[in-house]
Amino acid sequence: MNITPAQGHDEAQDILEALRQIQDSEDLRTEAATDPESVMNRLGLSGIARHAVAFGIAGLLVAPAVMRTDGWWNS
């Protein structure tokens, strides 16, 4: 796979835009929690962008649990 600078920039923009859409939409976040594949299909993602957004979805779903302040260290 040969990625040109312009193609890499376009994919980066696609990734950022998709993550913003998911973050800004309660419906997309809810759907991503149960069926991330359908969200990526809905956003028309493929290739590297699809993998990057899947990783980002995982981060969006895990971050709230990790950031909880009622952990054992606060007891």
Protein backbone atom coordinates (compact mmCIF):
# COMPACT_ATOMS: atom_id res chain seq x y z
CA MET A 1 0.00 0.00 0.00
CA ASN A 2 1.48 3.30 -1.10
CA ILE A 3 0.04 6.32 0.71
CA THR A 4 0.67 9.75 -0.72
CA PRO A 5 0.76 12.81 1.58
CA ALA A 6 -2.58 14.06 0.19
CA GLN A 7 -4.22 10.67 0.71
CA GLY A 8 -2.88 10.47 4.28
CA HIS A 9 -4.24 13.95 5.00
CA ASP A 10 -7.67 13.01 3.64
CA GLU A 11 -7.77 9.88 5.80
CA ALA A 12 -6.73 11.88 8.86
CA GLN A 13 -9.54 14.37 8.18
CA ASP A 14 -12.03 11.50 7.75
CA ILE A 15 -10.92 9.98 11.07
CA LEU A 16 -11.19 13.26 12.97
CA GLU A 17 -14.56 14.11 11.43
CA ALA A 18 -15.99 10.67 12.24
CA LEU A 19 -14.78 10.84 15.86
CA ARG A 20 -16.26 14.34 16.22
CA GLN A 21 -19.60 13.14 14.85
CA ILE A 22 -19.66 10.21 17.27
CA GLN A 23 -18.63 12.37 20.21
CA ASP A 24 -21.24 15.05 19.41
CA SER A 25 -24.16 12.66 18.84
CA GLU A 26 -25.77 10.83 21.75
CA ASP A 27 -27.46 8.46 19.29
CA LEU A 28 -24.18 7.53 17.59
CA ARG A 29 -22.45 7.03 20.97
CA THR A 30 -25.25 4.74 22.13
CA GLU A 31 -25.17 2.79 18.87
CA ALA A 32 -21.35 2.59 18.97
CA ALA A 33 -21.51 1.03 22.43
CA THR A 34 -23.61 -1.86 21.18
CA ASP A 35 -22.83 -2.08 17.45
CA PRO A 36 -19.71 -0.13 16.42
CA GLU A 37 -19.66 -1.88 13.04
CA SER A 38 -22.97 -0.30 12.03
CA VAL A 39 -21.75 3.17 13.06
CA MET A 40 -18.67 2.81 10.88
CA ASN A 41 -20.85 1.59 7.99
CA ARG A 42 -23.19 4.55 8.50
CA LEU A 43 -20.24 6.96 8.37
CA GLY A 44 -18.92 5.27 5.22
CA LEU A 45 -15.51 4.43 6.68
CA SER A 46 -13.11 1.92 5.17
CA GLY A 47 -9.46 0.93 5.35
CA ILE A 48 -7.18 2.72 7.78
CA ALA A 49 -9.87 5.23 8.76
CA ARG A 50 -12.20 2.38 9.77
CA HIS A 51 -9.54 0.80 12.00
CA ALA A 52 -8.57 4.12 13.56
CA VAL A 53 -12.19 5.03 14.33
CA ALA A 54 -12.81 1.56 15.82
CA PHE A 55 -9.84 2.18 18.12
CA GLY A 56 -11.22 5.65 18.91
CA ILE A 57 -14.66 4.24 19.73
CA ALA A 58 -13.04 1.83 22.16
CA GLY A 59 -11.29 4.78 23.79
CA LEU A 60 -14.48 6.82 24.00
CA LEU A 61 -16.26 3.93 25.67
CA VAL A 62 -13.47 3.03 28.08
CA ALA A 63 -12.40 6.54 29.10
CA PRO A 64 -15.43 7.32 31.28
CA ALA A 65 -14.88 4.11 33.28
CA VAL A 66 -11.18 4.83 33.69
CA MET A 67 -11.78 8.44 34.71
CA ARG A 68 -14.14 7.55 37.56
CA THR A 69 -13.20 9.31 40.77
CA ASP A 70 -14.72 6.76 43.14
CA GLY A 71 -11.89 4.26 42.77
CA TRP A 72 -10.23 2.35 45.57
CA TRP A 73 -7.57 5.07 45.93
CA ASN A 74 -10.23 7.56 47.09
CA SER A 75 -11.45 5.35 49.95
